[in-house]
Amino acid sequence: MAQTAGTSVGTWVASPATHIGTELLLAGLCIYAGADLNQLEEHLRVGFERGRRSLGPVYGMDLWRRAHGGQIV
């Protein structure tokens, strides 16, 4: 259950504008049902990374990096 909750929330956190929030409800139910909170953080990170990869390149990020010397603030 921790895996389901963590990856769902991580995906939502990566791009909340593209999801309506049912992932948060699912995660809450998994946690309430007894998901292992020690494993939740790891799976949240995994879900976040998967969600970011699924977005592809961010529009304008190359211009931002050039303007700020390669630093992302």
C-alpha atoms as a PDB file:
ATOM      1  CA  MET A   1       0.000   0.000   0.000  1.00  0.00           C
ATOM      2  CA  ALA A   2       2.893   2.371   0.649  1.00  0.00           C
ATOM      3  CA  GLN A   3       4.050   1.893  -2.932  1.00  0.00           C
ATOM      4  CA  THR A   4       0.620   2.742  -4.328  1.00  0.00           C
ATOM      5  CA  ALA A   5       0.224   5.780  -2.074  1.00  0.00           C
ATOM      6  CA  GLY A   6       3.742   7.082  -2.645  1.00  0.00           C
ATOM      7  CA  THR A   7       3.881   6.746  -6.400  1.00  0.00           C
ATOM      8  CA  SER A   8       0.406   8.242  -6.779  1.00  0.00           C
ATOM      9  CA  VAL A   9       1.212  11.318  -4.701  1.00  0.00           C
ATOM     10  CA  GLY A  10       4.681  11.647  -6.216  1.00  0.00           C
ATOM     11  CA  THR A  11       3.210  11.738  -9.705  1.00  0.00           C
ATOM     12  CA  TRP A  12       0.715  14.388  -8.619  1.00  0.00           C
ATOM     13  CA  VAL A  13       3.422  16.507  -6.931  1.00  0.00           C
ATOM     14  CA  ALA A  14       5.512  16.404 -10.119  1.00  0.00           C
ATOM     15  CA  SER A  15       2.736  18.085 -12.067  1.00  0.00           C
ATOM     16  CA  PRO A  16      -0.349  19.079 -10.073  1.00  0.00           C
ATOM     17  CA  ALA A  17      -1.746  21.130 -12.961  1.00  0.00           C
ATOM     18  CA  THR A  18      -2.231  18.008 -15.073  1.00  0.00           C
ATOM     19  CA  HIS A  19      -4.062  15.960 -12.420  1.00  0.00           C
ATOM     20  CA  ILE A  20      -7.361  16.650 -10.651  1.00  0.00           C
ATOM     21  CA  GLY A  21      -6.230  15.303  -7.303  1.00  0.00           C
ATOM     22  CA  THR A  22      -7.756  11.841  -7.127  1.00  0.00           C
ATOM     23  CA  GLU A  23      -4.235  10.605  -6.472  1.00  0.00           C
ATOM     24  CA  LEU A  24      -4.303  12.387  -3.116  1.00  0.00           C
ATOM     25  CA  LEU A  25      -7.567  10.697  -2.171  1.00  0.00           C
ATOM     26  CA  LEU A  26      -6.153   7.300  -3.142  1.00  0.00           C
ATOM     27  CA  ALA A  27      -3.018   7.924  -1.080  1.00  0.00           C
ATOM     28  CA  GLY A  28      -5.047   9.045   1.916  1.00  0.00           C
ATOM     29  CA  LEU A  29      -7.117   5.876   1.800  1.00  0.00           C
ATOM     30  CA  CYS A  30      -3.990   3.720   1.536  1.00  0.00           C
ATOM     31  CA  ILE A  31      -2.404   5.476   4.502  1.00  0.00           C
ATOM     32  CA  TYR A  32      -5.612   5.194   6.525  1.00  0.00           C
ATOM     33  CA  ALA A  33      -5.756   1.480   5.705  1.00  0.00           C
ATOM     34  CA  GLY A  34      -2.319   0.968   7.224  1.00  0.00           C
ATOM     35  CA  ALA A  35       0.354   1.701   4.632  1.00  0.00           C
ATOM     36  CA  ASP A  36       3.896   1.514   6.014  1.00  0.00           C
ATOM     37  CA  LEU A  37       4.891   5.157   6.490  1.00  0.00           C
ATOM     38  CA  ASN A  38       8.586   4.262   6.559  1.00  0.00           C
ATOM     39  CA  GLN A  39       8.379   3.105   2.942  1.00  0.00           C
ATOM     40  CA  LEU A  40       6.107   5.944   1.852  1.00  0.00           C
ATOM     41  CA  GLU A  41       8.894   8.517   1.446  1.00  0.00           C
ATOM     42  CA  GLU A  42      10.913   6.285  -0.897  1.00  0.00           C
ATOM     43  CA  HIS A  43       7.926   5.552  -3.096  1.00  0.00           C
ATOM     44  CA  LEU A  44       6.922   9.212  -3.115  1.00  0.00           C
ATOM     45  CA  ARG A  45      10.356  10.033  -4.558  1.00  0.00           C
ATOM     46  CA  VAL A  46       9.987   7.304  -7.184  1.00  0.00           C
ATOM     47  CA  GLY A  47       6.560   8.596  -8.192  1.00  0.00           C
ATOM     48  CA  PHE A  48       7.869  12.155  -8.394  1.00  0.00           C
ATOM     49  CA  GLU A  49      10.762  11.122 -10.650  1.00  0.00           C
ATOM     50  CA  ARG A  50       8.431   9.145 -12.917  1.00  0.00           C
ATOM     51  CA  GLY A  51       6.045  12.069 -13.103  1.00  0.00           C
ATOM     52  CA  ARG A  52       8.812  14.502 -14.014  1.00  0.00           C
ATOM     53  CA  ARG A  53      10.153  12.187 -16.726  1.00  0.00           C
ATOM     54  CA  SER A  54       6.695  11.842 -18.231  1.00  0.00           C
ATOM     55  CA  LEU A  55       6.466  15.616 -18.691  1.00  0.00           C
ATOM     56  CA  GLY A  56       9.374  15.700 -21.103  1.00  0.00           C
ATOM     57  CA  PRO A  57      11.539  18.778 -21.569  1.00  0.00           C
ATOM     58  CA  VAL A  58      10.291  21.966 -19.973  1.00  0.00           C
ATOM     59  CA  TYR A  59       9.602  24.716 -22.474  1.00  0.00           C
ATOM     60  CA  GLY A  60      12.100  27.553 -22.124  1.00  0.00           C
ATOM     61  CA  MET A  61      14.398  25.724 -19.703  1.00  0.00           C
ATOM     62  CA  ASP A  62      17.351  26.017 -22.112  1.00  0.00           C
ATOM     63  CA  LEU A  63      16.882  29.783 -22.185  1.00  0.00           C
ATOM     64  CA  TRP A  64      16.718  29.861 -18.384  1.00  0.00           C
ATOM     65  CA  ARG A  65      19.938  27.880 -18.041  1.00  0.00           C
ATOM     66  CA  ARG A  66      21.773  30.126 -20.499  1.00  0.00           C
ATOM     67  CA  ALA A  67      20.579  33.283 -18.754  1.00  0.00           C
ATOM     68  CA  HIS A  68      21.579  32.004 -15.318  1.00  0.00           C
ATOM     69  CA  GLY A  69      24.862  30.315 -16.146  1.00  0.00           C
ATOM     70  CA  GLY A  70      23.473  26.789 -16.070  1.00  0.00           C
ATOM     71  CA  GLN A  71      22.018  27.166 -12.580  1.00  0.00           C
ATOM     72  CA  ILE A  72      18.433  26.277 -11.792  1.00  0.00           C
ATOM     73  CA  VAL A  73      17.318  28.385  -8.872  1.00  0.00           C
END
